[in-house]
Amino acid sequence: MLNRGRTLSALAAACLLTSGIVASVPAAAATLNELATASRFIVHSRVSKVEYAQSEAAKGQPGVPHTIVTFDVVKPLQGNVGAASFTLRFIGGPDGRGRFMQASNVPVFQLGDEDILFVQGNGSKGCALAGCADGRFRVLNGLVYDGTGTPVLRVESGRVVASGETPAELSTIRFPRPSFDALMKNAEARQAIASQGLSATEARQRYEAQAPAMIEMSAINGGRSGSDRGGHGTGQESGTAAPITGRTMSADSFVSKLAGLSVARAEGSPAFESIDAQARIAAPSTQAAIPPKVRADRAGSTRSAAEEAAAITQLKQQ
C-alpha cells in the first residue's frame, strides 16, 4: 500500500515522502492477538546500535534513507528470537544531505530505546513490525506507551486503550549532523548560503565551528496524529466527548496481558534471520518531493528549508 510520510531536515525543516510501506495488520483496528498472529516473535528489547544506509538510486533520483537497528533481547516474550540480539531495517532516516525522512506509520528508533516489539520480518519490505508502529510499545521508566508515544492506560478484550500526552523523551529525534560537503549537495542549502553573501570558505568555517554534533528535533510520532486507538491521539474515544483517563500501565502489567498469545511461526518454518546491515537496498518505486513550505523548529514556527539552512550558519558558539 502507499503511505504519505514526511521528512525532517537536519536544519530542522521537513519534506514530504511517498513510499511503499507494507503492514499486514490495519493500524487502527489491530488487537494484541491480531498483532501476535502476524508476528514471528514478541520481545522486550533495547536498542544497542543504530546505522543508516541509502537505497539504490532510481531514474536519476537519489536513494531513500533507511535505518538499520540492532536490538538486545531484554526478555523473550512469545516465539523464538533465536539469539541474544537481532537486527531489523526500517525505511526512513537521515539522507546524508541535511534532511531526515520519516515515513508514515513507521517508527523511528534511537540508541538506548526500550521497547516491546511484535516482530514480523527483518524489514526487507520497509517495516519490520506487525502493524508497523502498532507493533511497537515503548517502555520509559517502567511504564508503557504505544507506538506514537501515547500512554497506555489499559487493555480491554485484547485492545489497547491509550490516551494522554507524549513525554518529551519519546518525541525527540537525534542524529549526527552531515558534513559540510554533504550539506552542500542540498541545493536549498547552497542557495541559502549564497543569499547571505558568504563565501564557501566562510560558510564552512562557521558551520564546522558552530553547528552541533548531533541534530535534535521533534518527531512526528507514528504518522497517525488525531486517530483513535480506543482513545489515543485525541484523548477521546471515537463517538464520545468524555476524555479517557487513568494511570499509565506498567511494563510488567502490560507483559502479563501478552501471556497466551500465539505468534505466527509454525513448527518446521525457517528460523528468523536478522537483516544484513551491509546488504544492498533496492530502489523504491517512488521518490521524495519537497513542498515550498515545511515544518520547522520545536517552537512550532514554519520556515522553508532554505531559511533553516541559513539559520544554521548563525548559531552562537556554545
C-alpha atoms as a PDB file:
ATOM      1  CA  MET A   1       0.000   0.000   0.000  1.00  0.00           C
ATOM      2  CA  LEU A   2       1.150   3.589  -0.452  1.00  0.00           C
ATOM      3  CA  ASN A   3       1.580   5.849   2.537  1.00  0.00           C
ATOM      4  CA  ARG A   4       2.407   9.524   2.590  1.00  0.00           C
ATOM      5  CA  GLY A   5       5.200  10.158   5.032  1.00  0.00           C
ATOM      6  CA  ARG A   6       7.174  13.212   5.861  1.00  0.00           C
ATOM      7  CA  THR A   7      10.772  14.134   6.406  1.00  0.00           C
ATOM      8  CA  LEU A   8      12.532  16.337   8.913  1.00  0.00           C
ATOM      9  CA  SER A   9      15.787  18.005   7.944  1.00  0.00           C
ATOM     10  CA  ALA A  10      18.974  18.373   9.893  1.00  0.00           C
ATOM     11  CA  LEU A  11      18.281  22.056   9.583  1.00  0.00           C
ATOM     12  CA  ALA A  12      15.016  21.421  11.461  1.00  0.00           C
ATOM     13  CA  ALA A  13      12.834  21.509   8.327  1.00  0.00           C
ATOM     14  CA  ALA A  14      10.520  18.877   6.833  1.00  0.00           C
ATOM     15  CA  CYS A  15       9.623  17.444   3.451  1.00  0.00           C
ATOM     16  CA  LEU A  16       7.016  15.012   2.135  1.00  0.00           C
ATOM     17  CA  LEU A  17       7.643  11.437   1.076  1.00  0.00           C
ATOM     18  CA  THR A  18       5.556   8.998  -0.888  1.00  0.00           C
ATOM     19  CA  SER A  19       6.869   5.476  -0.420  1.00  0.00           C
ATOM     20  CA  GLY A  20       5.756   1.856  -0.386  1.00  0.00           C
ATOM     21  CA  ILE A  21       5.259   0.539   3.152  1.00  0.00           C
ATOM     22  CA  VAL A  22       3.880  -2.929   3.869  1.00  0.00           C
ATOM     23  CA  ALA A  23       1.904  -3.655   7.046  1.00  0.00           C
ATOM     24  CA  SER A  24      -0.176  -6.796   7.348  1.00  0.00           C
ATOM     25  CA  VAL A  25      -2.381  -5.534  10.183  1.00  0.00           C
ATOM     26  CA  PRO A  26      -4.674  -2.472   9.793  1.00  0.00           C
ATOM     27  CA  ALA A  27      -3.146   0.055  12.191  1.00  0.00           C
ATOM     28  CA  ALA A  28      -6.337   1.403  13.754  1.00  0.00           C
ATOM     29  CA  ALA A  29      -8.062  -1.975  14.187  1.00  0.00           C
ATOM     30  CA  ALA A  30      -5.315  -4.275  15.466  1.00  0.00           C
ATOM     31  CA  THR A  31      -5.814  -6.102  18.747  1.00  0.00           C
ATOM     32  CA  LEU A  32      -2.892  -7.646  20.593  1.00  0.00           C
ATOM     33  CA  ASN A  33      -3.994 -11.046  19.316  1.00  0.00           C
ATOM     34  CA  GLU A  34      -4.077  -9.784  15.708  1.00  0.00           C
ATOM     35  CA  LEU A  35      -0.617  -8.315  16.116  1.00  0.00           C
ATOM     36  CA  ALA A  36       0.656 -11.567  17.628  1.00  0.00           C
ATOM     37  CA  THR A  37      -0.717 -13.777  14.870  1.00  0.00           C
ATOM     38  CA  ALA A  38       1.065 -11.569  12.309  1.00  0.00           C
ATOM     39  CA  SER A  39       4.374 -11.769  14.220  1.00  0.00           C
ATOM     40  CA  ARG A  40       7.290 -14.179  14.264  1.00  0.00           C
ATOM     41  CA  PHE A  41       8.033 -13.343  17.884  1.00  0.00           C
ATOM     42  CA  ILE A  42       7.312 -10.820  20.642  1.00  0.00           C
ATOM     43  CA  VAL A  43      10.249  -9.478  22.611  1.00  0.00           C
ATOM     44  CA  HIS A  44      11.175  -6.922  25.249  1.00  0.00           C
ATOM     45  CA  SER A  45      14.233  -5.245  23.733  1.00  0.00           C
ATOM     46  CA  ARG A  46      16.717  -2.397  23.998  1.00  0.00           C
ATOM     47  CA  VAL A  47      18.401  -0.633  21.043  1.00  0.00           C
ATOM     48  CA  SER A  48      22.163  -1.195  21.140  1.00  0.00           C
ATOM     49  CA  LYS A  49      23.148   0.104  17.697  1.00  0.00           C
ATOM     50  CA  VAL A  50      21.692   2.380  15.009  1.00  0.00           C
ATOM     51  CA  GLU A  51      23.124   2.571  11.491  1.00  0.00           C
ATOM     52  CA  TYR A  52      21.960   4.428   8.396  1.00  0.00           C
ATOM     53  CA  ALA A  53      22.059   3.442   4.744  1.00  0.00           C
ATOM     54  CA  GLN A  54      20.644   4.602   1.413  1.00  0.00           C
ATOM     55  CA  SER A  55      18.729   2.543  -1.085  1.00  0.00           C
ATOM     56  CA  GLU A  56      19.928   2.372  -4.656  1.00  0.00           C
ATOM     57  CA  ALA A  57      19.115   5.386  -6.797  1.00  0.00           C
ATOM     58  CA  ALA A  58      16.308   5.159  -9.349  1.00  0.00           C
ATOM     59  CA  LYS A  59      15.674   7.128 -12.555  1.00  0.00           C
ATOM     60  CA  GLY A  60      18.165   9.825 -11.729  1.00  0.00           C
ATOM     61  CA  GLN A  61      16.808  10.308  -8.200  1.00  0.00           C
ATOM     62  CA  PRO A  62      18.901   9.767  -5.049  1.00  0.00           C
ATOM     63  CA  GLY A  63      18.398   6.738  -2.866  1.00  0.00           C
ATOM     64  CA  VAL A  64      15.921   6.704   0.008  1.00  0.00           C
ATOM     65  CA  PRO A  65      17.242   6.621   3.597  1.00  0.00           C
ATOM     66  CA  HIS A  66      16.885   3.506   5.723  1.00  0.00           C
ATOM     67  CA  THR A  67      17.694   2.847   9.374  1.00  0.00           C
ATOM     68  CA  ILE A  68      19.274  -0.428  10.483  1.00  0.00           C
ATOM     69  CA  VAL A  69      18.649  -1.130  14.152  1.00  0.00           C
ATOM     70  CA  THR A  70      20.247  -3.761  16.380  1.00  0.00           C
ATOM     71  CA  PHE A  71      18.228  -4.761  19.443  1.00  0.00           C
ATOM     72  CA  ASP A  72      19.487  -6.597  22.513  1.00  0.00           C
ATOM     73  CA  VAL A  73      16.964  -9.007  23.991  1.00  0.00           C
ATOM     74  CA  VAL A  74      15.896  -7.927  27.481  1.00  0.00           C
ATOM     75  CA  LYS A  75      13.356 -10.749  27.710  1.00  0.00           C
ATOM     76  CA  PRO A  76      11.789 -13.028  25.085  1.00  0.00           C
ATOM     77  CA  LEU A  77       8.008 -12.987  25.496  1.00  0.00           C
ATOM     78  CA  GLN A  78       6.447 -15.149  22.775  1.00  0.00           C
ATOM     79  CA  GLY A  79       8.029 -17.135  19.952  1.00  0.00           C
ATOM     80  CA  ASN A  80      11.700 -17.838  19.423  1.00  0.00           C
ATOM     81  CA  VAL A  81      14.064 -14.915  18.892  1.00  0.00           C
ATOM     82  CA  GLY A  82      16.911 -17.374  18.453  1.00  0.00           C
ATOM     83  CA  ALA A  83      19.711 -15.056  19.603  1.00  0.00           C
ATOM     84  CA  ALA A  84      20.707 -12.551  22.267  1.00  0.00           C
ATOM     85  CA  SER A  85      20.337  -9.742  19.706  1.00  0.00           C
ATOM     86  CA  PHE A  86      18.728  -9.214  16.316  1.00  0.00           C
ATOM     87  CA  THR A  87      18.839  -6.594  13.556  1.00  0.00           C
ATOM     88  CA  LEU A  88      15.905  -5.046  11.676  1.00  0.00           C
ATOM     89  CA  ARG A  89      15.673  -2.488   8.875  1.00  0.00           C
ATOM     90  CA  PHE A  90      13.147   0.344   8.546  1.00  0.00           C
ATOM     91  CA  ILE A  91      12.549   2.842   5.774  1.00  0.00           C
ATOM     92  CA  GLY A  92      13.437   6.360   6.882  1.00  0.00           C
ATOM     93  CA  GLY A  93      16.403   8.151   8.427  1.00  0.00           C
ATOM     94  CA  PRO A  94      18.904  10.894   7.535  1.00  0.00           C
ATOM     95  CA  ASP A  95      19.651  11.306   3.842  1.00  0.00           C
ATOM     96  CA  GLY A  96      23.217  12.485   4.480  1.00  0.00           C
ATOM     97  CA  ARG A  97      22.445  15.896   2.978  1.00  0.00           C
ATOM     98  CA  GLY A  98      20.729  17.572   5.884  1.00  0.00           C
ATOM     99  CA  ARG A  99      17.266  16.026   5.857  1.00  0.00           C
ATOM    100  CA  PHE A 100      15.639  13.309   7.932  1.00  0.00           C
ATOM    101  CA  MET A 101      12.883  11.275   6.320  1.00  0.00           C
ATOM    102  CA  GLN A 102      10.111   9.858   8.495  1.00  0.00           C
ATOM    103  CA  ALA A 103       7.673   7.641   6.617  1.00  0.00           C
ATOM    104  CA  SER A 104       4.034   7.377   7.625  1.00  0.00           C
ATOM    105  CA  ASN A 105       3.351   4.869  10.418  1.00  0.00           C
ATOM    106  CA  VAL A 106       6.994   3.723  10.500  1.00  0.00           C
ATOM    107  CA  PRO A 107       8.642   4.108  13.930  1.00  0.00           C
ATOM    108  CA  VAL A 108      11.964   5.864  14.466  1.00  0.00           C
ATOM    109  CA  PHE A 109      14.461   4.190  16.785  1.00  0.00           C
ATOM    110  CA  GLN A 110      17.214   5.830  18.810  1.00  0.00           C
ATOM    111  CA  LEU A 111      20.149   4.367  20.710  1.00  0.00           C
ATOM    112  CA  GLY A 112      19.013   3.150  24.133  1.00  0.00           C
ATOM    113  CA  ASP A 113      15.292   2.928  23.291  1.00  0.00           C
ATOM    114  CA  GLU A 114      13.470   0.230  25.243  1.00  0.00           C
ATOM    115  CA  ASP A 115      10.531  -1.419  23.508  1.00  0.00           C
ATOM    116  CA  ILE A 116       8.173  -4.362  23.438  1.00  0.00           C
ATOM    117  CA  LEU A 117       8.131  -5.380  19.771  1.00  0.00           C
ATOM    118  CA  PHE A 118       5.868  -7.590  17.680  1.00  0.00           C
ATOM    119  CA  VAL A 119       8.432  -8.605  15.055  1.00  0.00           C
ATOM    120  CA  GLN A 120       7.078  -9.736  11.692  1.00  0.00           C
ATOM    121  CA  GLY A 121      10.179  -9.785   9.487  1.00  0.00           C
ATOM    122  CA  ASN A 122      13.638  -8.316   9.155  1.00  0.00           C
ATOM    123  CA  GLY A 123      12.498  -5.186   7.343  1.00  0.00           C
ATOM    124  CA  SER A 124      13.069  -6.189   3.723  1.00  0.00           C
ATOM    125  CA  LYS A 125       9.700  -4.600   2.821  1.00  0.00           C
ATOM    126  CA  GLY A 126      10.148  -1.260   4.609  1.00  0.00           C
ATOM    127  CA  CYS A 127       8.825  -2.021   8.093  1.00  0.00           C
ATOM    128  CA  ALA A 128       9.795  -4.993  10.235  1.00  0.00           C
ATOM    129  CA  LEU A 129       6.904  -4.936  12.709  1.00  0.00           C
ATOM    130  CA  ALA A 130       3.376  -6.320  12.578  1.00  0.00           C
ATOM    131  CA  GLY A 131       1.107  -3.333  12.102  1.00  0.00           C
ATOM    132  CA  CYS A 132       4.262  -1.205  11.791  1.00  0.00           C
ATOM    133  CA  ALA A 133       4.006   1.489  14.509  1.00  0.00           C
ATOM    134  CA  ASP A 134       1.201  -0.508  16.160  1.00  0.00           C
ATOM    135  CA  GLY A 135       3.669  -3.345  16.695  1.00  0.00           C
ATOM    136  CA  ARG A 136       5.860  -1.167  18.889  1.00  0.00           C
ATOM    137  CA  PHE A 137       5.166  -0.426  22.549  1.00  0.00           C
ATOM    138  CA  ARG A 138       7.679   1.909  24.129  1.00  0.00           C
ATOM    139  CA  VAL A 139       8.943   1.497  27.682  1.00  0.00           C
ATOM    140  CA  LEU A 140      10.086   4.519  29.680  1.00  0.00           C
ATOM    141  CA  ASN A 141      10.815   4.436  33.423  1.00  0.00           C
ATOM    142  CA  GLY A 142       8.946   1.143  33.695  1.00  0.00           C
ATOM    143  CA  LEU A 143       5.772   2.467  32.036  1.00  0.00           C
ATOM    144  CA  VAL A 144       4.333   1.583  28.612  1.00  0.00           C
ATOM    145  CA  TYR A 145       3.461   3.891  25.703  1.00  0.00           C
ATOM    146  CA  ASP A 146       2.129   2.962  22.283  1.00  0.00           C
ATOM    147  CA  GLY A 147       3.971   3.444  19.001  1.00  0.00           C
ATOM    148  CA  THR A 148       3.041   7.136  18.893  1.00  0.00           C
ATOM    149  CA  GLY A 149       4.344   7.711  22.420  1.00  0.00           C
ATOM    150  CA  THR A 150       0.826   7.936  23.898  1.00  0.00           C
ATOM    151  CA  PRO A 151       0.466   6.488  27.425  1.00  0.00           C
ATOM    152  CA  VAL A 152      -1.134   3.044  27.506  1.00  0.00           C
ATOM    153  CA  LEU A 153      -3.865   3.051  30.169  1.00  0.00           C
ATOM    154  CA  ARG A 154      -5.252  -0.477  29.934  1.00  0.00           C
ATOM    155  CA  VAL A 155      -6.028  -3.434  27.717  1.00  0.00           C
ATOM    156  CA  GLU A 156      -9.714  -4.279  27.181  1.00  0.00           C
ATOM    157  CA  SER A 157     -10.607  -7.528  25.433  1.00  0.00           C
ATOM    158  CA  GLY A 158      -7.174  -7.556  23.835  1.00  0.00           C
ATOM    159  CA  ARG A 159      -7.465  -3.990  22.559  1.00  0.00           C
ATOM    160  CA  VAL A 160      -5.058  -1.313  23.768  1.00  0.00           C
ATOM    161  CA  VAL A 161      -6.558   1.869  25.229  1.00  0.00           C
ATOM    162  CA  ALA A 162      -4.091   4.757  25.124  1.00  0.00           C
ATOM    163  CA  SER A 163      -4.555   8.459  25.804  1.00  0.00           C
ATOM    164  CA  GLY A 164      -2.609  11.436  27.124  1.00  0.00           C
ATOM    165  CA  GLU A 165       0.488  13.497  26.478  1.00  0.00           C
ATOM    166  CA  THR A 166       3.637  12.090  24.913  1.00  0.00           C
ATOM    167  CA  PRO A 167       6.727  12.508  27.134  1.00  0.00           C
ATOM    168  CA  ALA A 168       9.407  14.729  25.609  1.00  0.00           C
ATOM    169  CA  GLU A 169      11.859  11.825  25.767  1.00  0.00           C
ATOM    170  CA  LEU A 170       9.686   9.902  23.313  1.00  0.00           C
ATOM    171  CA  SER A 171       9.151  12.734  20.840  1.00  0.00           C
ATOM    172  CA  THR A 172      12.736  13.705  20.058  1.00  0.00           C
ATOM    173  CA  ILE A 173      14.881  12.542  17.153  1.00  0.00           C
ATOM    174  CA  ARG A 174      18.661  12.874  17.278  1.00  0.00           C
ATOM    175  CA  PHE A 175      21.109  12.040  14.509  1.00  0.00           C
ATOM    176  CA  PRO A 176      24.639  13.102  13.507  1.00  0.00           C
ATOM    177  CA  ARG A 177      24.968  16.330  11.569  1.00  0.00           C
ATOM    178  CA  PRO A 178      26.052  15.901   7.953  1.00  0.00           C
ATOM    179  CA  SER A 179      29.465  17.048   6.850  1.00  0.00           C
ATOM    180  CA  PHE A 180      29.588  20.470   5.233  1.00  0.00           C
ATOM    181  CA  ASP A 181      30.454  18.917   1.877  1.00  0.00           C
ATOM    182  CA  ALA A 182      27.436  16.606   2.116  1.00  0.00           C
ATOM    183  CA  LEU A 183      25.197  19.506   3.148  1.00  0.00           C
ATOM    184  CA  MET A 184      26.318  21.459   0.098  1.00  0.00           C
ATOM    185  CA  LYS A 185      24.835  18.746  -2.120  1.00  0.00           C
ATOM    186  CA  ASN A 186      21.487  20.131  -0.938  1.00  0.00           C
ATOM    187  CA  ALA A 187      20.521  22.830  -3.452  1.00  0.00           C
ATOM    188  CA  GLU A 188      18.472  24.743  -0.876  1.00  0.00           C
ATOM    189  CA  ALA A 189      21.413  24.915   1.496  1.00  0.00           C
ATOM    190  CA  ARG A 190      23.659  26.248  -1.272  1.00  0.00           C
ATOM    191  CA  GLN A 191      21.089  28.892  -2.159  1.00  0.00           C
ATOM    192  CA  ALA A 192      20.735  29.921   1.480  1.00  0.00           C
ATOM    193  CA  ILE A 193      24.478  30.336   1.903  1.00  0.00           C
ATOM    194  CA  ALA A 194      24.674  32.372  -1.282  1.00  0.00           C
ATOM    195  CA  SER A 195      21.801  34.622  -0.128  1.00  0.00           C
ATOM    196  CA  GLN A 196      23.850  35.625   2.927  1.00  0.00           C
ATOM    197  CA  GLY A 197      26.789  36.697   0.812  1.00  0.00           C
ATOM    198  CA  LEU A 198      29.083  34.168   2.474  1.00  0.00           C
ATOM    199  CA  SER A 199      31.900  32.541   0.605  1.00  0.00           C
ATOM    200  CA  ALA A 200      32.110  28.763   0.694  1.00  0.00           C
ATOM    201  CA  THR A 201      35.150  29.018   2.962  1.00  0.00           C
ATOM    202  CA  GLU A 202      33.364  31.335   5.405  1.00  0.00           C
ATOM    203  CA  ALA A 203      30.269  29.155   5.464  1.00  0.00           C
ATOM    204  CA  ARG A 204      32.344  26.000   6.054  1.00  0.00           C
ATOM    205  CA  GLN A 205      34.247  27.584   8.940  1.00  0.00           C
ATOM    206  CA  ARG A 206      31.064  28.809  10.601  1.00  0.00           C
ATOM    207  CA  TYR A 207      29.255  25.520  10.140  1.00  0.00           C
ATOM    208  CA  GLU A 208      32.104  23.367  11.427  1.00  0.00           C
ATOM    209  CA  ALA A 209      32.677  25.626  14.427  1.00  0.00           C
ATOM    210  CA  GLN A 210      29.095  26.267  15.456  1.00  0.00           C
ATOM    211  CA  ALA A 211      26.737  23.549  14.222  1.00  0.00           C
ATOM    212  CA  PRO A 212      26.035  20.938  16.945  1.00  0.00           C
ATOM    213  CA  ALA A 213      27.487  17.442  16.515  1.00  0.00           C
ATOM    214  CA  MET A 214      24.015  15.949  16.902  1.00  0.00           C
ATOM    215  CA  ILE A 215      20.919  17.387  15.271  1.00  0.00           C
ATOM    216  CA  GLU A 216      17.845  17.307  17.519  1.00  0.00           C
ATOM    217  CA  MET A 217      14.225  17.818  16.530  1.00  0.00           C
ATOM    218  CA  SER A 218      10.677  16.826  17.403  1.00  0.00           C
ATOM    219  CA  ALA A 219       9.392  13.591  15.905  1.00  0.00           C
ATOM    220  CA  ILE A 220       6.135  13.107  14.048  1.00  0.00           C
ATOM    221  CA  ASN A 221       5.130  10.089  16.071  1.00  0.00           C
ATOM    222  CA  GLY A 222       3.632   7.120  14.316  1.00  0.00           C
ATOM    223  CA  GLY A 223       2.068   9.008  11.437  1.00  0.00           C
ATOM    224  CA  ARG A 224      -1.448   8.747  12.888  1.00  0.00           C
ATOM    225  CA  SER A 225      -1.978  12.088  14.599  1.00  0.00           C
ATOM    226  CA  GLY A 226      -5.590  12.622  15.589  1.00  0.00           C
ATOM    227  CA  SER A 227      -6.635   8.993  15.170  1.00  0.00           C
ATOM    228  CA  ASP A 228      -8.014   6.773  17.913  1.00  0.00           C
ATOM    229  CA  ARG A 229      -6.809   3.571  19.453  1.00  0.00           C
ATOM    230  CA  GLY A 230      -9.555   3.334  21.981  1.00  0.00           C
ATOM    231  CA  GLY A 231      -8.779   6.950  22.654  1.00  0.00           C
ATOM    232  CA  HIS A 232      -5.183   7.626  21.727  1.00  0.00           C
ATOM    233  CA  GLY A 233      -4.097  10.742  19.949  1.00  0.00           C
ATOM    234  CA  THR A 234      -7.049  12.915  20.916  1.00  0.00           C
ATOM    235  CA  GLY A 235      -7.709  11.843  24.468  1.00  0.00           C
ATOM    236  CA  GLN A 236     -11.244  10.811  23.477  1.00  0.00           C
ATOM    237  CA  GLU A 237     -12.932   7.645  22.347  1.00  0.00           C
ATOM    238  CA  SER A 238     -14.471   7.675  18.900  1.00  0.00           C
ATOM    239  CA  GLY A 239     -18.038   8.984  19.110  1.00  0.00           C
ATOM    240  CA  THR A 240     -17.741  10.273  22.681  1.00  0.00           C
ATOM    241  CA  ALA A 241     -16.902  13.606  24.261  1.00  0.00           C
ATOM    242  CA  ALA A 242     -15.556  12.263  27.534  1.00  0.00           C
ATOM    243  CA  PRO A 243     -11.744  12.057  27.811  1.00  0.00           C
ATOM    244  CA  ILE A 244     -10.215   8.724  28.716  1.00  0.00           C
ATOM    245  CA  THR A 245      -8.333   8.948  31.985  1.00  0.00           C
ATOM    246  CA  GLY A 246      -6.238   6.635  34.122  1.00  0.00           C
ATOM    247  CA  ARG A 247      -2.707   5.821  35.161  1.00  0.00           C
ATOM    248  CA  THR A 248      -0.118   4.748  32.637  1.00  0.00           C
ATOM    249  CA  MET A 249       0.213   0.981  32.621  1.00  0.00           C
ATOM    250  CA  SER A 250       3.395  -0.590  33.971  1.00  0.00           C
ATOM    251  CA  ALA A 251       5.554  -2.709  31.693  1.00  0.00           C
ATOM    252  CA  ASP A 252       5.031  -5.731  33.933  1.00  0.00           C
ATOM    253  CA  SER A 253       1.250  -5.359  33.795  1.00  0.00           C
ATOM    254  CA  PHE A 254       1.322  -4.970  30.034  1.00  0.00           C
ATOM    255  CA  VAL A 255       3.535  -8.030  29.579  1.00  0.00           C
ATOM    256  CA  SER A 256       1.098 -10.065  31.663  1.00  0.00           C
ATOM    257  CA  LYS A 257      -1.559  -9.301  29.023  1.00  0.00           C
ATOM    258  CA  LEU A 258       0.609 -10.972  26.384  1.00  0.00           C
ATOM    259  CA  ALA A 259       0.581 -14.363  28.080  1.00  0.00           C
ATOM    260  CA  GLY A 260      -1.135 -16.976  25.965  1.00  0.00           C
ATOM    261  CA  LEU A 261      -0.892 -15.082  22.684  1.00  0.00           C
ATOM    262  CA  SER A 262       0.060 -17.213  19.680  1.00  0.00           C
ATOM    263  CA  VAL A 263       2.627 -15.947  17.196  1.00  0.00           C
ATOM    264  CA  ALA A 264       2.714 -16.834  13.519  1.00  0.00           C
ATOM    265  CA  ARG A 265       5.689 -19.143  13.274  1.00  0.00           C
ATOM    266  CA  ALA A 266       4.718 -22.762  12.739  1.00  0.00           C
ATOM    267  CA  GLU A 267       6.792 -25.811  13.576  1.00  0.00           C
ATOM    268  CA  GLY A 268       9.357 -26.516  10.869  1.00  0.00           C
ATOM    269  CA  SER A 269       9.360 -22.995   9.429  1.00  0.00           C
ATOM    270  CA  PRO A 270      12.774 -21.379   8.834  1.00  0.00           C
ATOM    271  CA  ALA A 271      14.437 -19.678  11.782  1.00  0.00           C
ATOM    272  CA  PHE A 272      14.290 -15.898  11.920  1.00  0.00           C
ATOM    273  CA  GLU A 273      17.237 -14.190  10.208  1.00  0.00           C
ATOM    274  CA  SER A 274      18.379 -10.687  11.035  1.00  0.00           C
ATOM    275  CA  ILE A 275      18.851  -8.206   8.245  1.00  0.00           C
ATOM    276  CA  ASP A 276      22.362  -7.906   6.859  1.00  0.00           C
ATOM    277  CA  ALA A 277      23.397  -4.322   7.588  1.00  0.00           C
ATOM    278  CA  GLN A 278      25.663  -4.365   4.523  1.00  0.00           C
ATOM    279  CA  ALA A 279      23.070  -5.783   2.153  1.00  0.00           C
ATOM    280  CA  ARG A 280      22.004  -3.884  -0.955  1.00  0.00           C
ATOM    281  CA  ILE A 281      18.715  -1.991  -0.597  1.00  0.00           C
ATOM    282  CA  ALA A 282      16.727  -1.960  -3.813  1.00  0.00           C
ATOM    283  CA  ALA A 283      15.498   1.346  -5.193  1.00  0.00           C
ATOM    284  CA  PRO A 284      11.901   2.226  -4.251  1.00  0.00           C
ATOM    285  CA  SER A 285       9.269   2.860  -6.886  1.00  0.00           C
ATOM    286  CA  THR A 286       8.679   6.456  -5.750  1.00  0.00           C
ATOM    287  CA  GLN A 287      10.818   9.334  -4.537  1.00  0.00           C
ATOM    288  CA  ALA A 288      10.611  12.203  -2.068  1.00  0.00           C
ATOM    289  CA  ALA A 289       9.244  15.592  -3.050  1.00  0.00           C
ATOM    290  CA  ILE A 290       9.878  18.885  -1.243  1.00  0.00           C
ATOM    291  CA  PRO A 291       6.958  21.284  -0.668  1.00  0.00           C
ATOM    292  CA  PRO A 292       7.518  25.063  -0.755  1.00  0.00           C
ATOM    293  CA  LYS A 293       6.873  25.447   2.971  1.00  0.00           C
ATOM    294  CA  VAL A 294       7.900  22.948   5.606  1.00  0.00           C
ATOM    295  CA  ARG A 295       7.517  22.304   9.310  1.00  0.00           C
ATOM    296  CA  ALA A 296      10.481  23.642  11.169  1.00  0.00           C
ATOM    297  CA  ASP A 297      11.712  24.085  14.703  1.00  0.00           C
ATOM    298  CA  ARG A 298      10.453  22.732  18.008  1.00  0.00           C
ATOM    299  CA  ALA A 299       8.856  26.061  18.856  1.00  0.00           C
ATOM    300  CA  GLY A 300       6.434  25.399  16.021  1.00  0.00           C
ATOM    301  CA  SER A 301       7.450  28.088  13.520  1.00  0.00           C
ATOM    302  CA  THR A 302       7.212  27.393   9.805  1.00  0.00           C
ATOM    303  CA  ARG A 303      10.217  28.160   7.652  1.00  0.00           C
ATOM    304  CA  SER A 304      11.486  26.914   4.352  1.00  0.00           C
ATOM    305  CA  ALA A 305      14.427  24.529   4.169  1.00  0.00           C
ATOM    306  CA  ALA A 306      16.460  27.347   2.663  1.00  0.00           C
ATOM    307  CA  GLU A 307      15.696  29.624   5.607  1.00  0.00           C
ATOM    308  CA  GLU A 308      16.696  26.886   8.009  1.00  0.00           C
ATOM    309  CA  ALA A 309      19.929  26.314   6.112  1.00  0.00           C
ATOM    310  CA  ALA A 310      20.748  29.969   6.519  1.00  0.00           C
ATOM    311  CA  ALA A 311      19.915  29.853  10.202  1.00  0.00           C
ATOM    312  CA  ILE A 312      22.405  27.109  10.972  1.00  0.00           C
ATOM    313  CA  THR A 313      25.300  29.325   9.934  1.00  0.00           C
ATOM    314  CA  GLN A 314      24.205  31.843  12.569  1.00  0.00           C
ATOM    315  CA  LEU A 315      24.311  29.544  15.598  1.00  0.00           C
ATOM    316  CA  LYS A 316      26.022  31.043  18.603  1.00  0.00           C
ATOM    317  CA  GLN A 317      29.169  29.385  19.921  1.00  0.00           C
ATOM    318  CA  GLN A 318      28.237  27.217  22.919  1.00  0.00           C
END
